[in-house]
Amino acid sequence: MEGVEGKSCRSDDKKKMMVCIDESDYSHHALNWALANLPDSLTKFQLIIFTAQSLSDFAYLHASTLGATPPDLITSIQERQKKAALALLERAKDICAQHGIAAETITEVGDPKEAICQAVEKFNIQLLVLGSHGRGAIGRAILGSVSNYCVHNAKCPVLVVRKPH
């Protein structure tokens, strides 16, 4: 894992809260909700904003190029994904700064649900905050649910914030 500056999070005695974001309105609602509703906790916690760069986008490349995906194409897509992730984290960091909160940022390449749970352990996170897409049972069964996976597998308490309809 790497921070925006290429450094891993510092390991001190301050408790850590990690808010996970992606491009969705749901995750940004969770971040804004945490900033608005957990101000006392945020003064006691080190806030970490996390995003995962999914690998699932590469499956279509392999199929569309009949199994002969040029390495420079994959590298180019990975670089664009990383730039997009870093820009997303910077926007989130700016939102935090507007609330007077200094946040650290981390991005990792991988399956979001697994990357989140691994980050919880690696950085000794005490509270994980996630947005929920609000899918029903059928949607969760077909598409899966990152928040549901994290509720059952993260090694810390998980706060799932649902966006009102």
Protein backbone atom coordinates (compact mmCIF):
# COMPACT_ATOMS: atom_id res chain seq x y z
CA MET A 1 0.00 0.00 0.00
CA GLU A 2 1.14 3.48 -0.54
CA GLY A 3 0.13 6.91 0.56
CA VAL A 4 -0.23 9.77 -1.87
CA GLU A 5 3.28 10.83 -0.96
CA GLY A 6 4.55 7.25 -1.32
CA LYS A 7 4.89 6.77 2.44
CA SER A 8 2.95 4.34 4.53
CA CYS A 9 0.86 5.68 7.41
CA ARG A 10 2.75 6.52 10.52
CA SER A 11 2.41 4.07 13.35
CA ASP A 12 1.74 5.99 16.53
CA ASP A 13 -0.55 5.52 19.52
CA LYS A 14 -3.44 7.56 18.12
CA LYS A 15 -6.51 5.53 17.21
CA LYS A 16 -7.23 5.28 13.49
CA MET A 17 -10.49 5.66 11.58
CA MET A 18 -10.51 4.66 7.93
CA VAL A 19 -13.15 5.94 5.51
CA CYS A 20 -13.27 4.07 2.21
CA ILE A 21 -14.23 5.93 -0.93
CA ASP A 22 -14.74 5.29 -4.62
CA GLU A 23 -16.30 7.37 -7.37
CA SER A 24 -19.85 6.79 -6.09
CA ASP A 25 -22.08 9.31 -4.38
CA TYR A 26 -22.64 6.68 -1.68
CA SER A 27 -19.04 6.67 -0.49
CA HIS A 28 -18.83 10.46 -0.58
CA HIS A 29 -22.02 10.62 1.46
CA ALA A 30 -20.33 8.33 4.03
CA LEU A 31 -17.29 10.63 4.20
CA ASN A 32 -19.43 13.74 4.57
CA TRP A 33 -21.63 11.99 7.13
CA ALA A 34 -18.58 11.01 9.22
CA LEU A 35 -17.21 14.56 9.07
CA ALA A 36 -20.58 16.04 10.11
CA ASN A 37 -21.62 13.48 12.72
CA LEU A 38 -18.40 12.25 14.31
CA PRO A 39 -16.52 15.49 15.10
CA ASP A 40 -15.53 14.39 18.62
CA SER A 41 -14.21 11.07 17.36
CA LEU A 42 -12.31 12.76 14.53
CA THR A 43 -10.39 14.90 17.03
CA LYS A 44 -9.26 11.71 18.79
CA PHE A 45 -8.65 9.57 15.69
CA GLN A 46 -6.14 9.78 12.91
CA LEU A 47 -8.33 9.86 9.77
CA ILE A 48 -7.27 7.74 6.83
CA ILE A 49 -9.03 7.94 3.48
CA PHE A 50 -8.67 4.73 1.45
CA THR A 51 -9.51 3.75 -2.10
CA ALA A 52 -8.84 0.56 -4.04
CA GLN A 53 -7.89 0.42 -7.71
CA SER A 54 -9.85 -2.59 -8.94
CA LEU A 55 -8.26 -5.20 -11.17
CA SER A 56 -11.58 -6.33 -12.63
CA ASP A 57 -11.31 -3.88 -15.52
CA PHE A 58 -8.57 -5.96 -17.19
CA ALA A 59 -10.65 -9.05 -18.01
CA TYR A 60 -12.27 -7.44 -21.04
CA LEU A 61 -8.86 -6.40 -22.42
CA HIS A 62 -7.63 -9.94 -22.52
CA ALA A 63 -10.80 -11.12 -24.27
CA SER A 64 -11.00 -8.19 -26.70
CA THR A 65 -7.41 -8.68 -27.86
CA LEU A 66 -7.86 -12.45 -28.26
CA GLY A 67 -5.48 -13.16 -25.41
CA ALA A 68 -2.64 -10.99 -26.73
CA THR A 69 -2.98 -7.85 -24.61
CA PRO A 70 0.00 -5.56 -25.25
CA PRO A 71 1.90 -4.92 -21.99
CA ASP A 72 2.13 -1.18 -22.72
CA LEU A 73 -1.68 -1.02 -22.93
CA ILE A 74 -2.02 -2.60 -19.50
CA THR A 75 0.64 -0.25 -18.09
CA SER A 76 -1.14 2.76 -19.58
CA ILE A 77 -4.47 1.73 -18.07
CA GLN A 78 -2.87 1.07 -14.68
CA GLU A 79 -1.23 4.52 -14.74
CA ARG A 80 -4.57 6.16 -15.58
CA GLN A 81 -6.29 4.23 -12.77
CA LYS A 82 -3.62 5.33 -10.30
CA LYS A 83 -3.92 8.98 -11.38
CA ALA A 84 -7.70 8.78 -11.01
CA ALA A 85 -7.36 7.19 -7.55
CA LEU A 86 -4.89 9.84 -6.40
CA ALA A 87 -7.15 12.63 -7.70
CA LEU A 88 -10.12 11.07 -5.89
CA LEU A 89 -8.11 10.92 -2.66
CA GLU A 90 -6.95 14.52 -3.05
CA ARG A 91 -10.56 15.71 -3.46
CA ALA A 92 -11.52 13.77 -0.32
CA LYS A 93 -8.55 15.22 1.55
CA ASP A 94 -9.68 18.73 0.52
CA ILE A 95 -13.20 18.01 1.82
CA CYS A 96 -11.68 16.94 5.14
CA ALA A 97 -9.53 20.08 5.27
CA GLN A 98 -12.67 22.22 4.79
CA HIS A 99 -13.92 20.61 8.03
CA GLY A 100 -10.60 21.30 9.77
CA ILE A 101 -9.53 17.66 9.66
CA ALA A 102 -6.13 16.54 8.40
CA ALA A 103 -6.42 13.19 6.65
CA GLU A 104 -3.88 10.74 5.32
CA THR A 105 -4.57 8.90 2.09
CA ILE A 106 -3.88 5.36 0.93
CA THR A 107 -4.57 3.53 -2.32
CA GLU A 108 -4.00 -0.09 -3.23
CA VAL A 109 -4.54 -2.21 -6.31
CA GLY A 110 -6.83 -5.19 -5.84
CA ASP A 111 -10.31 -6.41 -5.10
CA PRO A 112 -11.82 -3.59 -3.01
CA LYS A 113 -13.35 -5.75 -0.29
CA GLU A 114 -10.15 -7.72 0.26
CA ALA A 115 -7.93 -4.62 0.01
CA ILE A 116 -10.03 -2.85 2.64
CA CYS A 117 -9.86 -5.74 5.10
CA GLN A 118 -6.11 -6.11 4.54
CA ALA A 119 -5.61 -2.37 5.16
CA VAL A 120 -7.60 -2.60 8.41
CA GLU A 121 -5.14 -5.17 9.69
CA LYS A 122 -1.98 -3.62 8.24
CA PHE A 123 -2.66 -0.15 9.66
CA ASN A 124 -4.33 -1.27 12.88
CA ILE A 125 -7.61 0.53 12.15
CA GLN A 126 -10.03 0.85 15.08
CA LEU A 127 -13.11 2.03 13.10
CA LEU A 128 -13.98 1.44 9.45
CA VAL A 129 -16.56 3.69 7.74
CA LEU A 130 -18.14 2.63 4.44
CA GLY A 131 -20.97 3.79 2.24
CA SER A 132 -23.66 1.41 1.08
CA HIS A 133 -25.17 1.29 -2.39
CA GLY A 134 -28.42 0.13 -0.82
CA ARG A 135 -28.82 -2.90 -3.09
CA GLY A 136 -31.46 -5.42 -2.15
CA ALA A 137 -30.81 -9.10 -1.50
CA ILE A 138 -30.84 -10.01 -5.20
CA GLY A 139 -28.44 -7.20 -6.11
CA ARG A 140 -26.06 -8.23 -3.34
CA ALA A 141 -26.23 -11.87 -4.47
CA ILE A 142 -25.45 -10.98 -8.09
CA LEU A 143 -23.04 -8.07 -7.69
CA GLY A 144 -21.74 -8.74 -4.20
CA SER A 145 -21.47 -6.19 -1.45
CA VAL A 146 -18.22 -4.65 -0.29
CA SER A 147 -19.85 -3.31 2.88
CA ASN A 148 -21.42 -6.71 3.71
CA TYR A 149 -18.09 -8.47 3.17
CA CYS A 150 -16.28 -5.94 5.40
CA VAL A 151 -18.91 -6.15 8.15
CA HIS A 152 -18.25 -9.89 8.36
CA ASN A 153 -14.48 -9.95 7.74
CA ALA A 154 -12.84 -6.71 8.93
CA LYS A 155 -10.97 -7.00 12.20
CA CYS A 156 -12.55 -3.85 13.66
CA PRO A 157 -16.00 -2.29 14.13
CA VAL A 158 -17.60 -1.24 10.83
CA LEU A 159 -19.97 1.68 10.41
CA VAL A 160 -22.06 1.42 7.23
CA VAL A 161 -23.63 4.72 6.19
CA ARG A 162 -26.66 4.49 3.90
CA LYS A 163 -27.54 7.43 1.72
CA PRO A 164 -31.20 8.46 2.12
CA HIS A 165 -33.30 7.91 -1.00
